[in-house]
């Protein structure tokens, strides 16, 4: 009989994870790439204010799955342009330009799953660590080295945010 080793399960309660402030949002890494067998998946929860979203971009190394937890988010991926509320889901394949934008006047929360994992490190490496998963108070925090890290993580910005 051959013995195999497996990574232990990862269980997070609401509000748990490794949190960083990134501009006007908070990214909470729920599953880091190192916790998954062969780095095959990672996950992060995004806490986003109203009228917020990243530039139009392409992931060259991973697929992205989005689950809307709260709020309303417009998602554009290739020729698809859809607005989703809580419970909505989107699969964004690698190599296809995409972006999202928080609609209306309410904040949103969204779970992002990346396969293979690893791109969540881009946020951890460039954000300002914080103890809690919540929107930043007051002014936006600096983007840190996020722009400089995108190429390192196989992400290419190709256009402005949807709300600009």
C-alpha atoms as a PDB file:
ATOM      1  CA  UNK A   1       0.000   0.000   0.000  1.00  0.00           C
ATOM      2  CA  UNK A   2       1.384   3.394  -0.979  1.00  0.00           C
ATOM      3  CA  UNK A   3       1.165   6.199   1.545  1.00  0.00           C
ATOM      4  CA  UNK A   4       0.089   9.552   0.168  1.00  0.00           C
ATOM      5  CA  UNK A   5       0.283  12.892   1.865  1.00  0.00           C
ATOM      6  CA  UNK A   6      -2.393  15.520   1.575  1.00  0.00           C
ATOM      7  CA  UNK A   7      -2.639  19.096   2.711  1.00  0.00           C
ATOM      8  CA  UNK A   8      -4.933  19.564   5.716  1.00  0.00           C
ATOM      9  CA  UNK A   9      -8.334  21.182   5.200  1.00  0.00           C
ATOM     10  CA  UNK A  10      -8.650  24.941   5.630  1.00  0.00           C
ATOM     11  CA  UNK A  11     -11.714  26.238   7.453  1.00  0.00           C
ATOM     12  CA  UNK A  12     -12.372  29.939   7.953  1.00  0.00           C
ATOM     13  CA  UNK A  13     -15.160  31.531   9.949  1.00  0.00           C
ATOM     14  CA  UNK A  14     -16.769  34.748   8.735  1.00  0.00           C
ATOM     15  CA  UNK A  15     -14.240  37.549   9.014  1.00  0.00           C
ATOM     16  CA  UNK A  16     -11.215  35.239   9.213  1.00  0.00           C
ATOM     17  CA  UNK A  17      -8.321  35.296   6.765  1.00  0.00           C
ATOM     18  CA  UNK A  18      -5.264  37.376   5.986  1.00  0.00           C
ATOM     19  CA  UNK A  19      -6.517  40.897   5.304  1.00  0.00           C
ATOM     20  CA  UNK A  20      -4.943  43.761   3.373  1.00  0.00           C
ATOM     21  CA  UNK A  21      -6.257  47.180   2.429  1.00  0.00           C
ATOM     22  CA  UNK A  22      -5.920  47.852  -1.269  1.00  0.00           C
ATOM     23  CA  UNK A  23      -6.966  51.322  -2.428  1.00  0.00           C
ATOM     24  CA  UNK A  24     -10.582  51.728  -1.230  1.00  0.00           C
ATOM     25  CA  UNK A  25     -11.169  47.993  -0.719  1.00  0.00           C
ATOM     26  CA  UNK A  26     -10.142  45.156   1.574  1.00  0.00           C
ATOM     27  CA  UNK A  27      -8.885  41.831   0.255  1.00  0.00           C
ATOM     28  CA  UNK A  28      -9.191  38.908   2.655  1.00  0.00           C
ATOM     29  CA  UNK A  29      -7.214  35.847   1.569  1.00  0.00           C
ATOM     30  CA  UNK A  30      -9.248  32.832   2.631  1.00  0.00           C
ATOM     31  CA  UNK A  31      -7.092  30.153   0.989  1.00  0.00           C
ATOM     32  CA  UNK A  32      -3.502  30.868   0.107  1.00  0.00           C
ATOM     33  CA  UNK A  33      -1.838  28.952  -2.702  1.00  0.00           C
ATOM     34  CA  UNK A  34       0.524  27.234  -0.241  1.00  0.00           C
ATOM     35  CA  UNK A  35      -2.420  25.637   1.573  1.00  0.00           C
ATOM     36  CA  UNK A  36      -3.692  23.852  -1.540  1.00  0.00           C
ATOM     37  CA  UNK A  37      -2.303  20.601  -2.925  1.00  0.00           C
ATOM     38  CA  UNK A  38       0.116  21.456  -5.753  1.00  0.00           C
ATOM     39  CA  UNK A  39      -1.020  25.106  -5.591  1.00  0.00           C
ATOM     40  CA  UNK A  40      -4.034  24.241  -7.700  1.00  0.00           C
ATOM     41  CA  UNK A  41      -6.431  26.769  -6.149  1.00  0.00           C
ATOM     42  CA  UNK A  42      -6.585  29.891  -3.989  1.00  0.00           C
ATOM     43  CA  UNK A  43      -9.421  32.125  -2.804  1.00  0.00           C
ATOM     44  CA  UNK A  44      -9.921  35.682  -1.601  1.00  0.00           C
ATOM     45  CA  UNK A  45     -12.915  37.691  -0.450  1.00  0.00           C
ATOM     46  CA  UNK A  46     -13.169  41.232  -1.752  1.00  0.00           C
ATOM     47  CA  UNK A  47     -14.869  43.907   0.394  1.00  0.00           C
ATOM     48  CA  UNK A  48     -15.569  46.750  -2.056  1.00  0.00           C
ATOM     49  CA  UNK A  49     -17.179  50.177  -1.700  1.00  0.00           C
ATOM     50  CA  UNK A  50     -19.824  51.498  -4.072  1.00  0.00           C
ATOM     51  CA  UNK A  51     -18.512  52.649  -7.450  1.00  0.00           C
ATOM     52  CA  UNK A  52     -15.339  50.557  -7.246  1.00  0.00           C
ATOM     53  CA  UNK A  53     -13.603  48.133  -9.572  1.00  0.00           C
ATOM     54  CA  UNK A  54     -10.277  47.258 -11.189  1.00  0.00           C
ATOM     55  CA  UNK A  55      -9.101  48.297 -14.638  1.00  0.00           C
ATOM     56  CA  UNK A  56      -9.993  46.081 -17.585  1.00  0.00           C
ATOM     57  CA  UNK A  57      -7.396  43.317 -17.388  1.00  0.00           C
ATOM     58  CA  UNK A  58      -6.379  39.839 -18.501  1.00  0.00           C
ATOM     59  CA  UNK A  59      -5.194  36.955 -16.323  1.00  0.00           C
ATOM     60  CA  UNK A  60      -2.697  34.979 -18.393  1.00  0.00           C
ATOM     61  CA  UNK A  61      -2.094  32.212 -15.836  1.00  0.00           C
ATOM     62  CA  UNK A  62      -5.375  31.398 -14.082  1.00  0.00           C
ATOM     63  CA  UNK A  63      -9.132  31.140 -14.425  1.00  0.00           C
ATOM     64  CA  UNK A  64     -11.240  33.209 -12.018  1.00  0.00           C
ATOM     65  CA  UNK A  65     -14.577  32.262 -10.479  1.00  0.00           C
ATOM     66  CA  UNK A  66     -16.649  34.979  -8.796  1.00  0.00           C
ATOM     67  CA  UNK A  67     -19.490  34.503  -6.318  1.00  0.00           C
ATOM     68  CA  UNK A  68     -21.363  37.657  -5.290  1.00  0.00           C
ATOM     69  CA  UNK A  69     -22.063  37.571  -1.546  1.00  0.00           C
ATOM     70  CA  UNK A  70     -23.587  41.040  -1.036  1.00  0.00           C
ATOM     71  CA  UNK A  71     -24.372  43.994  -3.243  1.00  0.00           C
ATOM     72  CA  UNK A  72     -24.648  44.383  -6.989  1.00  0.00           C
ATOM     73  CA  UNK A  73     -21.686  43.914  -9.318  1.00  0.00           C
ATOM     74  CA  UNK A  74     -21.448  44.472 -13.062  1.00  0.00           C
ATOM     75  CA  UNK A  75     -19.118  41.955 -14.699  1.00  0.00           C
ATOM     76  CA  UNK A  76     -17.736  42.303 -18.213  1.00  0.00           C
ATOM     77  CA  UNK A  77     -15.813  39.375 -19.694  1.00  0.00           C
ATOM     78  CA  UNK A  78     -15.180  39.320 -23.427  1.00  0.00           C
ATOM     79  CA  UNK A  79     -18.552  39.998 -25.099  1.00  0.00           C
ATOM     80  CA  UNK A  80     -20.536  39.214 -21.934  1.00  0.00           C
ATOM     81  CA  UNK A  81     -21.822  42.174 -19.892  1.00  0.00           C
ATOM     82  CA  UNK A  82     -24.043  41.237 -16.947  1.00  0.00           C
ATOM     83  CA  UNK A  83     -25.077  42.696 -13.605  1.00  0.00           C
ATOM     84  CA  UNK A  84     -25.336  40.210 -10.732  1.00  0.00           C
ATOM     85  CA  UNK A  85     -26.759  40.467  -7.229  1.00  0.00           C
ATOM     86  CA  UNK A  86     -26.150  38.363  -4.141  1.00  0.00           C
ATOM     87  CA  UNK A  87     -25.926  34.703  -5.119  1.00  0.00           C
ATOM     88  CA  UNK A  88     -24.819  35.478  -8.682  1.00  0.00           C
ATOM     89  CA  UNK A  89     -21.861  33.575 -10.123  1.00  0.00           C
ATOM     90  CA  UNK A  90     -19.414  34.111 -12.996  1.00  0.00           C
ATOM     91  CA  UNK A  91     -16.616  32.069 -14.534  1.00  0.00           C
ATOM     92  CA  UNK A  92     -13.917  34.208 -16.171  1.00  0.00           C
ATOM     93  CA  UNK A  93     -11.523  32.094 -18.259  1.00  0.00           C
ATOM     94  CA  UNK A  94      -7.847  32.991 -18.464  1.00  0.00           C
ATOM     95  CA  UNK A  95      -6.821  34.984 -21.492  1.00  0.00           C
ATOM     96  CA  UNK A  96     -10.149  36.828 -21.797  1.00  0.00           C
ATOM     97  CA  UNK A  97     -10.269  40.557 -20.906  1.00  0.00           C
ATOM     98  CA  UNK A  98     -12.524  41.259 -17.956  1.00  0.00           C
ATOM     99  CA  UNK A  99     -13.415  43.749 -15.242  1.00  0.00           C
ATOM    100  CA  UNK A 100     -16.081  44.273 -12.601  1.00  0.00           C
ATOM    101  CA  UNK A 101     -17.704  47.322 -11.046  1.00  0.00           C
ATOM    102  CA  UNK A 102     -19.793  47.747  -7.874  1.00  0.00           C
ATOM    103  CA  UNK A 103     -23.113  49.237  -9.001  1.00  0.00           C
ATOM    104  CA  UNK A 104     -25.327  51.608  -7.047  1.00  0.00           C
ATOM    105  CA  UNK A 105     -24.626  53.245  -3.714  1.00  0.00           C
ATOM    106  CA  UNK A 106     -24.108  50.155  -1.544  1.00  0.00           C
ATOM    107  CA  UNK A 107     -20.843  48.255  -0.969  1.00  0.00           C
ATOM    108  CA  UNK A 108     -20.388  44.695  -2.203  1.00  0.00           C
ATOM    109  CA  UNK A 109     -18.613  41.533  -1.113  1.00  0.00           C
ATOM    110  CA  UNK A 110     -17.419  38.927  -3.555  1.00  0.00           C
ATOM    111  CA  UNK A 111     -15.549  35.640  -3.253  1.00  0.00           C
ATOM    112  CA  UNK A 112     -12.930  35.075  -5.955  1.00  0.00           C
ATOM    113  CA  UNK A 113     -11.479  31.613  -6.563  1.00  0.00           C
ATOM    114  CA  UNK A 114      -8.370  31.319  -8.717  1.00  0.00           C
ATOM    115  CA  UNK A 115      -7.186  28.160 -10.437  1.00  0.00           C
ATOM    116  CA  UNK A 116      -4.362  27.501 -10.366  1.00  0.00           C
ATOM    117  CA  UNK A 117      -3.742  29.542  -7.248  1.00  0.00           C
ATOM    118  CA  UNK A 118      -1.121  32.173  -6.644  1.00  0.00           C
ATOM    119  CA  UNK A 119      -2.459  35.494  -7.917  1.00  0.00           C
ATOM    120  CA  UNK A 120      -3.878  36.231  -4.441  1.00  0.00           C
ATOM    121  CA  UNK A 121      -0.257  36.932  -3.432  1.00  0.00           C
ATOM    122  CA  UNK A 122      -0.317  39.993  -5.687  1.00  0.00           C
ATOM    123  CA  UNK A 123      -2.742  41.659  -3.264  1.00  0.00           C
ATOM    124  CA  UNK A 124      -0.970  40.438  -0.121  1.00  0.00           C
ATOM    125  CA  UNK A 125       2.394  41.618  -1.460  1.00  0.00           C
ATOM    126  CA  UNK A 126       1.158  45.122  -2.254  1.00  0.00           C
ATOM    127  CA  UNK A 127      -1.579  45.890   0.284  1.00  0.00           C
ATOM    128  CA  UNK A 128      -1.409  47.342   3.773  1.00  0.00           C
ATOM    129  CA  UNK A 129      -2.035  44.572   6.370  1.00  0.00           C
ATOM    130  CA  UNK A 130      -5.010  45.038   8.670  1.00  0.00           C
ATOM    131  CA  UNK A 131      -6.543  43.008  11.503  1.00  0.00           C
ATOM    132  CA  UNK A 132     -10.123  43.019  10.282  1.00  0.00           C
ATOM    133  CA  UNK A 133     -12.013  42.258   7.093  1.00  0.00           C
ATOM    134  CA  UNK A 134     -13.879  45.484   6.448  1.00  0.00           C
ATOM    135  CA  UNK A 135     -13.860  48.498   4.205  1.00  0.00           C
ATOM    136  CA  UNK A 136     -11.205  51.071   5.090  1.00  0.00           C
ATOM    137  CA  UNK A 137     -12.370  54.098   7.065  1.00  0.00           C
ATOM    138  CA  UNK A 138     -11.861  57.485   5.469  1.00  0.00           C
ATOM    139  CA  UNK A 139      -9.586  58.053   2.524  1.00  0.00           C
ATOM    140  CA  UNK A 140      -8.339  55.419   0.133  1.00  0.00           C
ATOM    141  CA  UNK A 141      -5.066  53.712   0.915  1.00  0.00           C
ATOM    142  CA  UNK A 142      -2.334  53.847  -1.675  1.00  0.00           C
ATOM    143  CA  UNK A 143      -2.274  51.156  -4.336  1.00  0.00           C
ATOM    144  CA  UNK A 144       1.194  50.270  -3.095  1.00  0.00           C
ATOM    145  CA  UNK A 145       3.136  48.200  -5.563  1.00  0.00           C
ATOM    146  CA  UNK A 146       0.052  46.647  -7.155  1.00  0.00           C
ATOM    147  CA  UNK A 147       0.696  48.131 -10.589  1.00  0.00           C
ATOM    148  CA  UNK A 148       4.322  47.000 -10.525  1.00  0.00           C
ATOM    149  CA  UNK A 149       3.340  43.477  -9.466  1.00  0.00           C
ATOM    150  CA  UNK A 150       0.679  42.794 -12.093  1.00  0.00           C
ATOM    151  CA  UNK A 151       3.171  41.679 -14.750  1.00  0.00           C
ATOM    152  CA  UNK A 152       4.996  39.490 -12.234  1.00  0.00           C
ATOM    153  CA  UNK A 153       1.727  37.663 -11.567  1.00  0.00           C
ATOM    154  CA  UNK A 154       0.705  37.354 -15.219  1.00  0.00           C
ATOM    155  CA  UNK A 155      -1.980  40.046 -15.069  1.00  0.00           C
ATOM    156  CA  UNK A 156      -2.068  42.690 -17.790  1.00  0.00           C
ATOM    157  CA  UNK A 157      -4.042  45.930 -17.470  1.00  0.00           C
ATOM    158  CA  UNK A 158      -5.458  46.808 -20.883  1.00  0.00           C
ATOM    159  CA  UNK A 159      -8.078  49.498 -20.201  1.00  0.00           C
ATOM    160  CA  UNK A 160      -9.719  51.736 -17.599  1.00  0.00           C
ATOM    161  CA  UNK A 161     -12.166  50.617 -14.891  1.00  0.00           C
ATOM    162  CA  UNK A 162     -15.765  50.189 -16.021  1.00  0.00           C
ATOM    163  CA  UNK A 163     -16.889  53.218 -14.006  1.00  0.00           C
ATOM    164  CA  UNK A 164     -14.468  55.726 -15.486  1.00  0.00           C
END
